[in-house]
Amino acid sequence: MAETLKKGSRVTGAAREKLAADLKKKYDSGASIRALAEETGRSYGFVHRMLSESGVSLRGRGGATRGKKAASA
């Protein structure tokens, strides 16, 4: 991301819309909320809220799931 926002600074107006659009694009192309939070220096909750506000359908949780074992070997 070209501009890094000061951690904890309030993001409003055009800057907020641009950030939401950037996050949406990256999330849609496969980036995780955690990775986006790390990259932007914002909290997980902030990124989650921005994505929700911009109408993204959030993916389910990843990680270990029950059921069939993945063919990993």
Protein backbone atom coordinates (compact mmCIF):
# COMPACT_ATOMS: atom_id res chain seq x y z
CA MET A 1 0.00 0.00 0.00
CA ALA A 2 1.45 3.32 -1.09
CA GLU A 3 0.40 5.42 1.88
CA THR A 4 0.65 4.03 5.36
CA LEU A 5 -1.79 5.60 7.77
CA LYS A 6 -0.76 6.52 11.26
CA LYS A 7 -1.80 3.73 13.58
CA GLY A 8 -5.03 4.61 15.33
CA SER A 9 -5.65 7.71 13.23
CA ARG A 10 -9.24 8.24 12.17
CA VAL A 11 -9.84 7.54 8.50
CA THR A 12 -12.67 9.55 6.95
CA GLY A 13 -14.05 10.68 3.63
CA ALA A 14 -12.17 9.96 0.42
CA ALA A 15 -9.22 8.34 2.22
CA ARG A 16 -11.61 5.89 3.88
CA GLU A 17 -13.29 5.05 0.59
CA LYS A 18 -9.93 4.51 -1.08
CA LEU A 19 -8.71 2.31 1.75
CA ALA A 20 -11.95 0.29 1.67
CA ALA A 21 -11.60 -0.18 -2.10
CA ASP A 22 -7.95 -1.28 -1.75
CA LEU A 23 -8.78 -3.72 1.06
CA LYS A 24 -11.74 -5.11 -0.89
CA LYS A 25 -9.62 -5.68 -4.00
CA LYS A 26 -6.86 -7.42 -2.05
CA TYR A 27 -9.30 -9.50 -0.01
CA ASP A 28 -11.15 -10.57 -3.15
CA SER A 29 -7.85 -11.66 -4.69
CA GLY A 30 -7.17 -13.95 -1.73
CA ALA A 31 -5.44 -11.91 1.01
CA SER A 32 -6.56 -12.72 4.56
CA ILE A 33 -7.96 -10.13 6.94
CA ARG A 34 -4.99 -10.76 9.21
CA ALA A 35 -2.52 -10.16 6.37
CA LEU A 36 -4.31 -6.94 5.41
CA ALA A 37 -4.31 -5.76 9.02
CA GLU A 38 -0.57 -6.42 9.24
CA GLU A 39 0.09 -4.66 5.95
CA THR A 40 -1.91 -1.54 6.78
CA GLY A 41 -0.90 -1.34 10.44
CA ARG A 42 -4.55 -1.44 11.51
CA SER A 43 -6.33 -3.89 13.78
CA TYR A 44 -8.07 -7.04 12.59
CA GLY A 45 -11.39 -5.55 13.73
CA PHE A 46 -10.83 -2.35 11.76
CA VAL A 47 -10.08 -4.26 8.54
CA HIS A 48 -13.04 -6.59 9.14
CA ARG A 49 -15.36 -3.60 9.64
CA MET A 50 -14.04 -1.82 6.52
CA LEU A 51 -14.62 -4.95 4.42
CA SER A 52 -18.12 -5.41 5.83
CA GLU A 53 -18.94 -1.75 5.13
CA SER A 54 -17.78 -2.10 1.54
CA GLY A 55 -20.13 -5.03 0.97
CA VAL A 56 -17.59 -7.85 0.72
CA SER A 57 -18.94 -11.32 1.42
CA LEU A 58 -16.47 -12.57 3.99
CA ARG A 59 -14.98 -16.03 3.60
CA GLY A 60 -15.37 -18.68 6.28
CA ARG A 61 -12.56 -19.40 8.67
CA GLY A 62 -9.63 -21.37 7.35
CA GLY A 63 -7.24 -23.51 9.32
CA ALA A 64 -7.87 -26.99 10.63
CA THR A 65 -11.30 -28.26 9.77
CA ARG A 66 -12.97 -31.53 10.62
CA GLY A 67 -14.01 -34.06 8.07
CA LYS A 68 -12.10 -35.52 5.16
CA LYS A 69 -8.35 -35.27 5.40
CA ALA A 70 -6.73 -33.15 2.76
CA ALA A 71 -4.38 -35.03 0.46
CA SER A 72 -1.20 -33.38 1.68
CA ALA A 73 1.44 -36.10 1.21
